[in-house]
Amino acid sequence: MLSKTSTTCFGTSKAEAKSRGSARVERLSRIVVRIHGDSMWPTFRDGDQVEAVAGLLPELGDIVVAKHPWKSVHIVKRVKDIQPSGFFLEGDNPDPTGSEDSHNFGPIPASLIIAAIPN
């Protein structure tokens, strides 16, 4: 189980990795996210609280918390495709008008991904 905030290093000491600016150092912390709206229905419902882990690189099929590319809000969506231009995110709601996602704003860069929600 991860602590509230921890640093994980692979193959080198924490101090050495940090001093070299190694990309292999990840900052992992848990955050609680409240779901607003029904774009992730039926997986999550409006008002649900879910725990996410910051600092994880998402994989295909993962649910992520991300910064909206155009608005000052965070979004919770599923990674439907990983493209050279970024992550294609989509809501789980089968209603095509039920989610504002990459169908509207295109793939988002990894820099906008905040956390992943463990399965």
PDB file of N, CA and C in Angstrom:
ATOM      1  N   MET A   1       0.843  -1.178   0.000  1.00  0.00           N
ATOM      2  CA  MET A   1       0.000   0.000   0.000  1.00  0.00           C
ATOM      3  C   MET A   1       0.888   1.240   0.000  1.00  0.00           C
ATOM      4  N   LEU A   2       0.525   2.231  -0.772  1.00  0.00           N
ATOM      5  CA  LEU A   2       1.301   3.455  -0.852  1.00  0.00           C
ATOM      6  C   LEU A   2       1.006   4.342   0.342  1.00  0.00           C
ATOM      7  N   SER A   3       2.029   5.041   0.800  1.00  0.00           N
ATOM      8  CA  SER A   3       1.801   6.029   1.844  1.00  0.00           C
ATOM      9  C   SER A   3       1.151   7.242   1.204  1.00  0.00           C
ATOM     10  N   LYS A   4       0.750   8.203   2.022  1.00  0.00           N
ATOM     11  CA  LYS A   4       0.094   9.399   1.509  1.00  0.00           C
ATOM     12  C   LYS A   4       0.958  10.060   0.426  1.00  0.00           C
ATOM     13  N   THR A   5       2.248  10.187   0.676  1.00  0.00           N
ATOM     14  CA  THR A   5       3.173  10.709  -0.314  1.00  0.00           C
ATOM     15  C   THR A   5       4.451   9.897  -0.224  1.00  0.00           C
ATOM     16  N   SER A   6       4.927   9.397  -1.334  1.00  0.00           N
ATOM     17  CA  SER A   6       6.172   8.635  -1.321  1.00  0.00           C
ATOM     18  C   SER A   6       6.891   8.823  -2.642  1.00  0.00           C
ATOM     19  N   THR A   7       8.165   8.518  -2.647  1.00  0.00           N
ATOM     20  CA  THR A   7       8.958   8.570  -3.864  1.00  0.00           C
ATOM     21  C   THR A   7       9.478   7.176  -4.144  1.00  0.00           C
ATOM     22  N   THR A   8       9.325   6.710  -5.354  1.00  0.00           N
ATOM     23  CA  THR A   8       9.802   5.389  -5.733  1.00  0.00           C
ATOM     24  C   THR A   8      10.886   5.550  -6.783  1.00  0.00           C
ATOM     25  N   CYS A   9      11.998   4.875  -6.584  1.00  0.00           N
ATOM     26  CA  CYS A   9      13.105   4.928  -7.544  1.00  0.00           C
ATOM     27  C   CYS A   9      13.369   3.536  -8.076  1.00  0.00           C
ATOM     28  N   PHE A  10      13.771   3.442  -9.316  1.00  0.00           N
ATOM     29  CA  PHE A  10      14.086   2.165  -9.929  1.00  0.00           C
ATOM     30  C   PHE A  10      15.536   2.175 -10.389  1.00  0.00           C
ATOM     31  N   GLY A  11      16.392   1.372  -9.721  1.00  0.00           N
ATOM     32  CA  GLY A  11      17.758   1.179 -10.181  1.00  0.00           C
ATOM     33  C   GLY A  11      18.770   2.214  -9.750  1.00  0.00           C
ATOM     34  N   THR A  12      18.409   3.164  -8.907  1.00  0.00           N
ATOM     35  CA  THR A  12      19.359   4.167  -8.445  1.00  0.00           C
ATOM     36  C   THR A  12      18.863   4.731  -7.125  1.00  0.00           C
ATOM     37  N   SER A  13      19.737   5.376  -6.381  1.00  0.00           N
ATOM     38  CA  SER A  13      19.305   5.957  -5.110  1.00  0.00           C
ATOM     39  C   SER A  13      18.417   7.165  -5.374  1.00  0.00           C
ATOM     40  N   LYS A  14      17.565   7.502  -4.416  1.00  0.00           N
ATOM     41  CA  LYS A  14      16.678   8.654  -4.573  1.00  0.00           C
ATOM     42  C   LYS A  14      17.481   9.933  -4.785  1.00  0.00           C
ATOM     43  N   ALA A  15      18.508  10.130  -3.955  1.00  0.00           N
ATOM     44  CA  ALA A  15      19.308  11.352  -4.050  1.00  0.00           C
ATOM     45  C   ALA A  15      19.995  11.453  -5.409  1.00  0.00           C
ATOM     46  N   GLU A  16      20.562  10.345  -5.874  1.00  0.00           N
ATOM     47  CA  GLU A  16      21.253  10.338  -7.164  1.00  0.00           C
ATOM     48  C   GLU A  16      20.278  10.617  -8.306  1.00  0.00           C
ATOM     49  N   ALA A  17      19.132   9.970  -8.268  1.00  0.00           N
ATOM     50  CA  ALA A  17      18.145  10.158  -9.331  1.00  0.00           C
ATOM     51  C   ALA A  17      17.633  11.588  -9.359  1.00  0.00           C
ATOM     52  N   LYS A  18      17.352  12.145  -8.176  1.00  0.00           N
ATOM     53  CA  LYS A  18      16.852  13.522  -8.123  1.00  0.00           C
ATOM     54  C   LYS A  18      17.900  14.510  -8.617  1.00  0.00           C
ATOM     55  N   SER A  19      19.171  14.293  -8.239  1.00  0.00           N
ATOM     56  CA  SER A  19      20.224  15.226  -8.640  1.00  0.00           C
ATOM     57  C   SER A  19      20.446  15.207 -10.150  1.00  0.00           C
ATOM     58  N   ARG A  20      20.200  14.074 -10.783  1.00  0.00           N
ATOM     59  CA  ARG A  20      20.359  13.976 -12.240  1.00  0.00           C
ATOM     60  C   ARG A  20      19.075  14.321 -12.978  1.00  0.00           C
ATOM     61  N   GLY A  21      17.980  14.544 -12.239  1.00  0.00           N
ATOM     62  CA  GLY A  21      16.707  14.833 -12.891  1.00  0.00           C
ATOM     63  C   GLY A  21      16.151  13.627 -13.606  1.00  0.00           C
ATOM     64  N   SER A  22      16.399  12.441 -13.074  1.00  0.00           N
ATOM     65  CA  SER A  22      15.983  11.203 -13.727  1.00  0.00           C
ATOM     66  C   SER A  22      14.474  11.128 -13.898  1.00  0.00           C
ATOM     67  N   ALA A  23      14.044  10.695 -15.079  1.00  0.00           N
ATOM     68  CA  ALA A  23      12.617  10.494 -15.336  1.00  0.00           C
ATOM     69  C   ALA A  23      12.114   9.236 -14.648  1.00  0.00           C
ATOM     70  N   ARG A  24      13.033   8.434 -14.091  1.00  0.00           N
ATOM     71  CA  ARG A  24      12.624   7.200 -13.434  1.00  0.00           C
ATOM     72  C   ARG A  24      12.120   7.440 -12.014  1.00  0.00           C
ATOM     73  N   VAL A  25      12.200   8.659 -11.526  1.00  0.00           N
ATOM     74  CA  VAL A  25      11.683   8.973 -10.194  1.00  0.00           C
ATOM     75  C   VAL A  25      10.247   9.430 -10.358  1.00  0.00           C
ATOM     76  N   GLU A  26       9.356   8.777  -9.657  1.00  0.00           N
ATOM     77  CA  GLU A  26       7.946   9.142  -9.743  1.00  0.00           C
ATOM     78  C   GLU A  26       7.462   9.576  -8.373  1.00  0.00           C
ATOM     79  N   ARG A  27       6.663  10.585  -8.331  1.00  0.00           N
ATOM     80  CA  ARG A  27       6.050  11.046  -7.099  1.00  0.00           C
ATOM     81  C   ARG A  27       4.661  10.422  -7.047  1.00  0.00           C
ATOM     82  N   LEU A  28       4.422   9.581  -6.051  1.00  0.00           N
ATOM     83  CA  LEU A  28       3.150   8.883  -5.944  1.00  0.00           C
ATOM     84  C   LEU A  28       2.401   9.367  -4.717  1.00  0.00           C
ATOM     85  N   SER A  29       1.170   9.765  -4.886  1.00  0.00           N
ATOM     86  CA  SER A  29       0.335  10.138  -3.753  1.00  0.00           C
ATOM     87  C   SER A  29      -1.113   9.825  -4.091  1.00  0.00           C
ATOM     88  N   ARG A  30      -1.896   9.623  -3.059  1.00  0.00           N
ATOM     89  CA  ARG A  30      -3.311   9.316  -3.244  1.00  0.00           C
ATOM     90  C   ARG A  30      -4.133  10.589  -3.104  1.00  0.00           C
ATOM     91  N   ILE A  31      -5.121  10.724  -3.984  1.00  0.00           N
ATOM     92  CA  ILE A  31      -6.051  11.845  -3.896  1.00  0.00           C
ATOM     93  C   ILE A  31      -7.469  11.288  -3.964  1.00  0.00           C
ATOM     94  N   VAL A  32      -8.405  12.003  -3.362  1.00  0.00           N
ATOM     95  CA  VAL A  32      -9.813  11.613  -3.423  1.00  0.00           C
ATOM     96  C   VAL A  32     -10.517  12.574  -4.371  1.00  0.00           C
ATOM     97  N   VAL A  33     -11.280  12.020  -5.287  1.00  0.00           N
ATOM     98  CA  VAL A  33     -11.970  12.801  -6.309  1.00  0.00           C
ATOM     99  C   VAL A  33     -13.467  12.570  -6.175  1.00  0.00           C
ATOM    100  N   ARG A  34     -14.250  13.654  -6.202  1.00  0.00           N
ATOM    101  CA  ARG A  34     -15.711  13.535  -6.199  1.00  0.00           C
ATOM    102  C   ARG A  34     -16.194  13.653  -7.642  1.00  0.00           C
ATOM    103  N   ILE A  35     -17.023  12.712  -8.044  1.00  0.00           N
ATOM    104  CA  ILE A  35     -17.557  12.683  -9.407  1.00  0.00           C
ATOM    105  C   ILE A  35     -18.724  13.667  -9.518  1.00  0.00           C
ATOM    106  N   HIS A  36     -18.670  14.521 -10.547  1.00  0.00           N
ATOM    107  CA  HIS A  36     -19.761  15.461 -10.837  1.00  0.00           C
ATOM    108  C   HIS A  36     -20.286  15.150 -12.237  1.00  0.00           C
ATOM    109  N   GLY A  37     -21.574  14.914 -12.345  1.00  0.00           N
ATOM    110  CA  GLY A  37     -22.167  14.612 -13.640  1.00  0.00           C
ATOM    111  C   GLY A  37     -22.239  13.119 -13.900  1.00  0.00           C
ATOM    112  N   ASP A  38     -22.715  12.777 -15.101  1.00  0.00           N
ATOM    113  CA  ASP A  38     -22.924  11.356 -15.406  1.00  0.00           C
ATOM    114  C   ASP A  38     -22.136  10.879 -16.629  1.00  0.00           C
ATOM    115  N   SER A  39     -21.040  11.556 -16.953  1.00  0.00           N
ATOM    116  CA  SER A  39     -20.258  11.146 -18.122  1.00  0.00           C
ATOM    117  C   SER A  39     -19.582   9.789 -17.927  1.00  0.00           C
ATOM    118  N   MET A  40     -19.380   9.370 -16.680  1.00  0.00           N
ATOM    119  CA  MET A  40     -18.743   8.071 -16.419  1.00  0.00           C
ATOM    120  C   MET A  40     -19.756   7.025 -15.962  1.00  0.00           C
ATOM    121  N   TRP A  41     -21.057   7.339 -16.062  1.00  0.00           N
ATOM    122  CA  TRP A  41     -22.091   6.362 -15.742  1.00  0.00           C
ATOM    123  C   TRP A  41     -22.027   5.230 -16.763  1.00  0.00           C
ATOM    124  N   PRO A  42     -22.148   3.994 -16.437  1.00  0.00           N
ATOM    125  CA  PRO A  42     -22.567   3.428 -15.150  1.00  0.00           C
ATOM    126  C   PRO A  42     -21.414   3.097 -14.198  1.00  0.00           C
ATOM    127  N   THR A  43     -20.161   3.358 -14.603  1.00  0.00           N
ATOM    128  CA  THR A  43     -19.020   3.033 -13.744  1.00  0.00           C
ATOM    129  C   THR A  43     -19.052   3.845 -12.459  1.00  0.00           C
ATOM    130  N   PHE A  44     -19.242   5.158 -12.597  1.00  0.00           N
ATOM    131  CA  PHE A  44     -19.366   6.055 -11.446  1.00  0.00           C
ATOM    132  C   PHE A  44     -20.639   6.862 -11.596  1.00  0.00           C
ATOM    133  N   ARG A  45     -21.224   7.201 -10.463  1.00  0.00           N
ATOM    134  CA  ARG A  45     -22.437   8.025 -10.448  1.00  0.00           C
ATOM    135  C   ARG A  45     -22.123   9.401  -9.873  1.00  0.00           C
ATOM    136  N   ASP A  46     -22.947  10.373 -10.204  1.00  0.00           N
ATOM    137  CA  ASP A  46     -22.810  11.721  -9.673  1.00  0.00           C
ATOM    138  C   ASP A  46     -22.748  11.658  -8.147  1.00  0.00           C
ATOM    139  N   GLY A  47     -21.726  12.267  -7.558  1.00  0.00           N
ATOM    140  CA  GLY A  47     -21.568  12.280  -6.110  1.00  0.00           C
ATOM    141  C   GLY A  47     -20.644  11.205  -5.557  1.00  0.00           C
ATOM    142  N   ASP A  48     -20.311  10.183  -6.359  1.00  0.00           N
ATOM    143  CA  ASP A  48     -19.374   9.151  -5.894  1.00  0.00           C
ATOM    144  C   ASP A  48     -18.026   9.784  -5.554  1.00  0.00           C
ATOM    145  N   GLN A  49     -17.355   9.212  -4.571  1.00  0.00           N
ATOM    146  CA  GLN A  49     -15.981   9.600  -4.264  1.00  0.00           C
ATOM    147  C   GLN A  49     -15.084   8.421  -4.604  1.00  0.00           C
ATOM    148  N   VAL A  50     -14.019   8.686  -5.345  1.00  0.00           N
ATOM    149  CA  VAL A  50     -13.091   7.628  -5.743  1.00  0.00           C
ATOM    150  C   VAL A  50     -11.671   8.050  -5.394  1.00  0.00           C
ATOM    151  N   GLU A  51     -10.828   7.062  -5.144  1.00  0.00           N
ATOM    152  CA  GLU A  51      -9.430   7.322  -4.824  1.00  0.00           C
ATOM    153  C   GLU A  51      -8.592   7.123  -6.080  1.00  0.00           C
ATOM    154  N   ALA A  52      -7.701   8.069  -6.324  1.00  0.00           N
ATOM    155  CA  ALA A  52      -6.815   8.002  -7.484  1.00  0.00           C
ATOM    156  C   ALA A  52      -5.370   8.097  -7.010  1.00  0.00           C
ATOM    157  N   VAL A  53      -4.458   7.588  -7.823  1.00  0.00           N
ATOM    158  CA  VAL A  53      -3.034   7.610  -7.496  1.00  0.00           C
ATOM    159  C   VAL A  53      -2.325   8.530  -8.487  1.00  0.00           C
ATOM    160  N   ALA A  54      -1.750   9.607  -7.961  1.00  0.00           N
ATOM    161  CA  ALA A  54      -1.017  10.554  -8.799  1.00  0.00           C
ATOM    162  C   ALA A  54       0.375  10.008  -9.093  1.00  0.00           C
ATOM    163  N   GLY A  55       0.890  10.318 -10.260  1.00  0.00           N
ATOM    164  CA  GLY A  55       2.252   9.940 -10.611  1.00  0.00           C
ATOM    165  C   GLY A  55       2.372   8.646 -11.384  1.00  0.00           C
ATOM    166  N   LEU A  56       1.262   8.002 -11.701  1.00  0.00           N
ATOM    167  CA  LEU A  56       1.301   6.763 -12.477  1.00  0.00           C
ATOM    168  C   LEU A  56       1.060   7.074 -13.949  1.00  0.00           C
ATOM    169  N   LEU A  57       1.809   6.444 -14.824  1.00  0.00           N
ATOM    170  CA  LEU A  57       1.576   6.599 -16.258  1.00  0.00           C
ATOM    171  C   LEU A  57       0.419   5.685 -16.642  1.00  0.00           C
ATOM    172  N   PRO A  58      -0.669   6.244 -17.144  1.00  0.00           N
ATOM    173  CA  PRO A  58      -1.837   5.409 -17.454  1.00  0.00           C
ATOM    174  C   PRO A  58      -1.610   4.501 -18.653  1.00  0.00           C
ATOM    175  N   GLU A  59      -2.335   3.402 -18.635  1.00  0.00           N
ATOM    176  CA  GLU A  59      -2.312   2.446 -19.737  1.00  0.00           C
ATOM    177  C   GLU A  59      -3.685   2.415 -20.392  1.00  0.00           C
ATOM    178  N   LEU A  60      -3.764   1.793 -21.539  1.00  0.00           N
ATOM    179  CA  LEU A  60      -5.021   1.657 -22.264  1.00  0.00           C
ATOM    180  C   LEU A  60      -6.073   1.020 -21.357  1.00  0.00           C
ATOM    181  N   GLY A  61      -7.244   1.631 -21.270  1.00  0.00           N
ATOM    182  CA  GLY A  61      -8.334   1.113 -20.452  1.00  0.00           C
ATOM    183  C   GLY A  61      -8.392   1.682 -19.049  1.00  0.00           C
ATOM    184  N   ASP A  62      -7.323   2.356 -18.597  1.00  0.00           N
ATOM    185  CA  ASP A  62      -7.328   2.957 -17.260  1.00  0.00           C
ATOM    186  C   ASP A  62      -8.270   4.152 -17.214  1.00  0.00           C
ATOM    187  N   ILE A  63      -8.781   4.429 -16.032  1.00  0.00           N
ATOM    188  CA  ILE A  63      -9.559   5.646 -15.796  1.00  0.00           C
ATOM    189  C   ILE A  63      -8.617   6.655 -15.171  1.00  0.00           C
ATOM    190  N   VAL A  64      -8.639   7.884 -15.686  1.00  0.00           N
ATOM    191  CA  VAL A  64      -7.708   8.910 -15.224  1.00  0.00           C
ATOM    192  C   VAL A  64      -8.434  10.175 -14.783  1.00  0.00           C
ATOM    193  N   VAL A  65      -7.732  10.938 -13.960  1.00  0.00           N
ATOM    194  CA  VAL A  65      -8.128  12.298 -13.619  1.00  0.00           C
ATOM    195  C   VAL A  65      -7.182  13.187 -14.413  1.00  0.00           C
ATOM    196  N   ALA A  66      -7.736  14.138 -15.155  1.00  0.00           N
ATOM    197  CA  ALA A  66      -6.906  14.994 -16.011  1.00  0.00           C
ATOM    198  C   ALA A  66      -7.390  16.435 -15.939  1.00  0.00           C
ATOM    199  N   LYS A  67      -6.499  17.342 -16.315  1.00  0.00           N
ATOM    200  CA  LYS A  67      -6.886  18.744 -16.462  1.00  0.00           C
ATOM    201  C   LYS A  67      -7.584  18.873 -17.808  1.00  0.00           C
ATOM    202  N   HIS A  68      -8.724  19.551 -17.819  1.00  0.00           N
ATOM    203  CA  HIS A  68      -9.418  19.812 -19.082  1.00  0.00           C
ATOM    204  C   HIS A  68      -8.520  20.730 -19.912  1.00  0.00           C
ATOM    205  N   PRO A  69      -8.338  20.454 -21.205  1.00  0.00           N
ATOM    206  CA  PRO A  69      -7.423  21.273 -22.004  1.00  0.00           C
ATOM    207  C   PRO A  69      -7.907  22.697 -22.266  1.00  0.00           C
ATOM    208  N   TRP A  70      -9.211  22.964 -22.122  1.00  0.00           N
ATOM    209  CA  TRP A  70      -9.744  24.289 -22.431  1.00  0.00           C
ATOM    210  C   TRP A  70     -10.339  25.014 -21.238  1.00  0.00           C
ATOM    211  N   LYS A  71     -10.682  24.283 -20.194  1.00  0.00           N
ATOM    212  CA  LYS A  71     -11.380  24.874 -19.050  1.00  0.00           C
ATOM    213  C   LYS A  71     -10.574  24.668 -17.774  1.00  0.00           C
ATOM    214  N   SER A  72     -10.889  25.441 -16.764  1.00  0.00           N
ATOM    215  CA  SER A  72     -10.207  25.309 -15.467  1.00  0.00           C
ATOM    216  C   SER A  72     -10.933  24.303 -14.587  1.00  0.00           C
ATOM    217  N   VAL A  73     -11.078  23.084 -15.089  1.00  0.00           N
ATOM    218  CA  VAL A  73     -11.729  22.005 -14.336  1.00  0.00           C
ATOM    219  C   VAL A  73     -10.938  20.718 -14.539  1.00  0.00           C
ATOM    220  N   HIS A  74     -11.194  19.757 -13.664  1.00  0.00           N
ATOM    221  CA  HIS A  74     -10.610  18.427 -13.820  1.00  0.00           C
ATOM    222  C   HIS A  74     -11.681  17.499 -14.362  1.00  0.00           C
ATOM    223  N   ILE A  75     -11.258  16.512 -15.125  1.00  0.00           N
ATOM    224  CA  ILE A  75     -12.187  15.554 -15.705  1.00  0.00           C
ATOM    225  C   ILE A  75     -11.758  14.138 -15.335  1.00  0.00           C
ATOM    226  N   VAL A  76     -12.724  13.237 -15.294  1.00  0.00           N
ATOM    227  CA  VAL A  76     -12.464  11.815 -15.050  1.00  0.00           C
ATOM    228  C   VAL A  76     -12.953  11.074 -16.287  1.00  0.00           C
ATOM    229  N   LYS A  77     -12.033  10.419 -16.984  1.00  0.00           N
ATOM    230  CA  LYS A  77     -12.357   9.729 -18.237  1.00  0.00           C
ATOM    231  C   LYS A  77     -11.517   8.460 -18.364  1.00  0.00           C
ATOM    232  N   ARG A  78     -11.915   7.606 -19.309  1.00  0.00           N
ATOM    233  CA  ARG A  78     -11.186   6.365 -19.573  1.00  0.00           C
ATOM    234  C   ARG A  78     -10.242   6.561 -20.770  1.00  0.00           C
ATOM    235  N   VAL A  79      -9.043   5.991 -20.673  1.00  0.00           N
ATOM    236  CA  VAL A  79      -8.082   6.038 -21.779  1.00  0.00           C
ATOM    237  C   VAL A  79      -8.537   5.027 -22.827  1.00  0.00           C
ATOM    238  N   LYS A  80      -8.995   5.524 -23.977  1.00  0.00           N
ATOM    239  CA  LYS A  80      -9.483   4.665 -25.057  1.00  0.00           C
ATOM    240  C   LYS A  80      -8.424   4.386 -26.111  1.00  0.00           C
ATOM    241  N   ASP A  81      -7.434   5.276 -26.212  1.00  0.00           N
ATOM    242  CA  ASP A  81      -6.369   5.083 -27.192  1.00  0.00           C
ATOM    243  C   ASP A  81      -5.164   5.908 -26.752  1.00  0.00           C
ATOM    244  N   ILE A  82      -3.980   5.413 -27.073  1.00  0.00           N
ATOM    245  CA  ILE A  82      -2.755   6.159 -26.810  1.00  0.00           C
ATOM    246  C   ILE A  82      -2.119   6.429 -28.166  1.00  0.00           C
ATOM    247  N   GLN A  83      -2.027   7.709 -28.509  1.00  0.00           N
ATOM    248  CA  GLN A  83      -1.540   8.134 -29.813  1.00  0.00           C
ATOM    249  C   GLN A  83      -0.251   8.932 -29.648  1.00  0.00           C
ATOM    250  N   PRO A  84       0.510   9.128 -30.705  1.00  0.00           N
ATOM    251  CA  PRO A  84       1.713   9.965 -30.587  1.00  0.00           C
ATOM    252  C   PRO A  84       1.392  11.371 -30.065  1.00  0.00           C
ATOM    253  N   SER A  85       0.199  11.866 -30.378  1.00  0.00           N
ATOM    254  CA  SER A  85      -0.185  13.212 -29.944  1.00  0.00           C
ATOM    255  C   SER A  85      -0.725  13.249 -28.520  1.00  0.00           C
ATOM    256  N   GLY A  86      -0.967  12.094 -27.906  1.00  0.00           N
ATOM    257  CA  GLY A  86      -1.448  12.088 -26.528  1.00  0.00           C
ATOM    258  C   GLY A  86      -2.448  10.985 -26.258  1.00  0.00           C
ATOM    259  N   PHE A  87      -3.161  11.146 -25.162  1.00  0.00           N
ATOM    260  CA  PHE A  87      -4.142  10.161 -24.705  1.00  0.00           C
ATOM    261  C   PHE A  87      -5.531  10.548 -25.200  1.00  0.00           C
ATOM    262  N   PHE A  88      -6.222   9.600 -25.834  1.00  0.00           N
ATOM    263  CA  PHE A  88      -7.597   9.825 -26.267  1.00  0.00           C
ATOM    264  C   PHE A  88      -8.490   9.368 -25.122  1.00  0.00           C
ATOM    265  N   LEU A  89      -9.201  10.315 -24.503  1.00  0.00           N
ATOM    266  CA  LEU A  89     -10.037  10.046 -23.337  1.00  0.00           C
ATOM    267  C   LEU A  89     -11.503  10.058 -23.721  1.00  0.00           C
ATOM    268  N   GLU A  90     -12.271   9.173 -23.084  1.00  0.00           N
ATOM    269  CA  GLU A  90     -13.693   9.050 -23.402  1.00  0.00           C
ATOM    270  C   GLU A  90     -14.466   8.697 -22.136  1.00  0.00           C
ATOM    271  N   GLY A  91     -15.659   9.258 -22.009  1.00  0.00           N
ATOM    272  CA  GLY A  91     -16.532   8.894 -20.900  1.00  0.00           C
ATOM    273  C   GLY A  91     -17.145   7.524 -21.132  1.00  0.00           C
ATOM    274  N   ASP A  92     -17.569   6.870 -20.046  1.00  0.00           N
ATOM    275  CA  ASP A  92     -18.186   5.544 -20.164  1.00  0.00           C
ATOM    276  C   ASP A  92     -19.659   5.608 -20.556  1.00  0.00           C
ATOM    277  N   ASN A  93     -20.295   6.769 -20.403  1.00  0.00           N
ATOM    278  CA  ASN A  93     -21.718   6.904 -20.700  1.00  0.00           C
ATOM    279  C   ASN A  93     -21.959   6.590 -22.185  1.00  0.00           C
ATOM    280  N   PRO A  94     -22.834   5.615 -22.477  1.00  0.00           N
ATOM    281  CA  PRO A  94     -23.067   5.241 -23.875  1.00  0.00           C
ATOM    282  C   PRO A  94     -23.794   6.312 -24.696  1.00  0.00           C
ATOM    283  N   ASP A  95     -24.414   7.287 -24.031  1.00  0.00           N
ATOM    284  CA  ASP A  95     -25.082   8.387 -24.734  1.00  0.00           C
ATOM    285  C   ASP A  95     -24.000   9.278 -25.353  1.00  0.00           C
ATOM    286  N   PRO A  96     -23.987   9.439 -26.685  1.00  0.00           N
ATOM    287  CA  PRO A  96     -22.928  10.228 -27.321  1.00  0.00           C
ATOM    288  C   PRO A  96     -22.893  11.688 -26.874  1.00  0.00           C
ATOM    289  N   THR A  97     -23.991  12.190 -26.314  1.00  0.00           N
ATOM    290  CA  THR A  97     -24.002  13.566 -25.811  1.00  0.00           C
ATOM    291  C   THR A  97     -23.765  13.608 -24.301  1.00  0.00           C
ATOM    292  N   GLY A  98     -23.492  12.455 -23.695  1.00  0.00           N
ATOM    293  CA  GLY A  98     -23.358  12.369 -22.242  1.00  0.00           C
ATOM    294  C   GLY A  98     -21.984  12.694 -21.702  1.00  0.00           C
ATOM    295  N   SER A  99     -21.022  12.997 -22.578  1.00  0.00           N
ATOM    296  CA  SER A  99     -19.661  13.238 -22.100  1.00  0.00           C
ATOM    297  C   SER A  99     -18.941  14.236 -22.993  1.00  0.00           C
ATOM    298  N   GLU A 100     -18.272  15.183 -22.357  1.00  0.00           N
ATOM    299  CA  GLU A 100     -17.350  16.052 -23.093  1.00  0.00           C
ATOM    300  C   GLU A 100     -15.975  15.419 -22.926  1.00  0.00           C
ATOM    301  N   ASP A 101     -15.397  14.967 -24.021  1.00  0.00           N
ATOM    302  CA  ASP A 101     -14.157  14.202 -23.938  1.00  0.00           C
ATOM    303  C   ASP A 101     -13.306  14.443 -25.182  1.00  0.00           C
ATOM    304  N   SER A 102     -12.421  13.527 -25.498  1.00  0.00           N
ATOM    305  CA  SER A 102     -11.524  13.715 -26.645  1.00  0.00           C
ATOM    306  C   SER A 102     -12.260  13.777 -27.978  1.00  0.00           C
ATOM    307  N   HIS A 103     -13.511  13.354 -28.022  1.00  0.00           N
ATOM    308  CA  HIS A 103     -14.309  13.553 -29.237  1.00  0.00           C
ATOM    309  C   HIS A 103     -14.512  15.045 -29.473  1.00  0.00           C
ATOM    310  N   ASN A 104     -14.490  15.837 -28.390  1.00  0.00           N
ATOM    311  CA  ASN A 104     -14.658  17.283 -28.488  1.00  0.00           C
ATOM    312  C   ASN A 104     -13.328  18.027 -28.588  1.00  0.00           C
ATOM    313  N   PHE A 105     -12.342  17.638 -27.759  1.00  0.00           N
ATOM    314  CA  PHE A 105     -11.099  18.408 -27.676  1.00  0.00           C
ATOM    315  C   PHE A 105      -9.858  17.666 -28.167  1.00  0.00           C
ATOM    316  N   GLY A 106     -10.009  16.448 -28.657  1.00  0.00           N
ATOM    317  CA  GLY A 106      -8.874  15.693 -29.188  1.00  0.00           C
ATOM    318  C   GLY A 106      -8.028  15.059 -28.091  1.00  0.00           C
ATOM    319  N   PRO A 107      -6.960  14.379 -28.486  1.00  0.00           N
ATOM    320  CA  PRO A 107      -6.081  13.741 -27.503  1.00  0.00           C
ATOM    321  C   PRO A 107      -5.431  14.793 -26.602  1.00  0.00           C
ATOM    322  N   ILE A 108      -5.148  14.406 -25.361  1.00  0.00           N
ATOM    323  CA  ILE A 108      -4.489  15.344 -24.459  1.00  0.00           C
ATOM    324  C   ILE A 108      -3.077  14.836 -24.147  1.00  0.00           C
ATOM    325  N   PRO A 109      -2.139  15.764 -23.935  1.00  0.00           N
ATOM    326  CA  PRO A 109      -0.765  15.345 -23.634  1.00  0.00           C
ATOM    327  C   PRO A 109      -0.658  14.742 -22.230  1.00  0.00           C
ATOM    328  N   ALA A 110       0.373  13.946 -22.024  1.00  0.00           N
ATOM    329  CA  ALA A 110       0.603  13.311 -20.720  1.00  0.00           C
ATOM    330  C   ALA A 110       0.726  14.344 -19.605  1.00  0.00           C
ATOM    331  N   SER A 111       1.170  15.546 -19.938  1.00  0.00           N
ATOM    332  CA  SER A 111       1.342  16.588 -18.919  1.00  0.00           C
ATOM    333  C   SER A 111       0.021  17.003 -18.272  1.00  0.00           C
ATOM    334  N   LEU A 112      -1.118  16.700 -18.915  1.00  0.00           N
ATOM    335  CA  LEU A 112      -2.422  17.045 -18.340  1.00  0.00           C
ATOM    336  C   LEU A 112      -3.015  15.915 -17.497  1.00  0.00           C
ATOM    337  N   ILE A 113      -2.387  14.755 -17.502  1.00  0.00           N
ATOM    338  CA  ILE A 113      -2.863  13.636 -16.684  1.00  0.00           C
ATOM    339  C   ILE A 113      -2.394  13.864 -15.249  1.00  0.00           C
ATOM    340  N   ILE A 114      -3.332  13.849 -14.308  1.00  0.00           N
ATOM    341  CA  ILE A 114      -3.016  14.089 -12.899  1.00  0.00           C
ATOM    342  C   ILE A 114      -2.851  12.784 -12.141  1.00  0.00           C
ATOM    343  N   ALA A 115      -3.759  11.847 -12.372  1.00  0.00           N
ATOM    344  CA  ALA A 115      -3.766  10.609 -11.583  1.00  0.00           C
ATOM    345  C   ALA A 115      -4.521   9.523 -12.335  1.00  0.00           C
ATOM    346  N   ALA A 116      -4.321   8.285 -11.892  1.00  0.00           N
ATOM    347  CA  ALA A 116      -5.054   7.136 -12.428  1.00  0.00           C
ATOM    348  C   ALA A 116      -5.852   6.503 -11.298  1.00  0.00           C
ATOM    349  N   ILE A 117      -7.021   5.992 -11.627  1.00  0.00           N
ATOM    350  CA  ILE A 117      -7.879   5.328 -10.647  1.00  0.00           C
ATOM    351  C   ILE A 117      -7.631   3.832 -10.766  1.00  0.00           C
ATOM    352  N   PRO A 118      -7.103   3.209  -9.698  1.00  0.00           N
ATOM    353  CA  PRO A 118      -6.806   1.772  -9.771  1.00  0.00           C
ATOM    354  C   PRO A 118      -8.058   0.948 -10.041  1.00  0.00           C
ATOM    355  N   ASN A 119      -7.885  -0.148 -10.765  1.00  0.00           N
ATOM    356  CA  ASN A 119      -9.016  -1.045 -11.066  1.00  0.00           C
ATOM    357  C   ASN A 119      -9.399  -1.823  -9.835  1.00  0.00           C
TER     358      ASN A 119
END
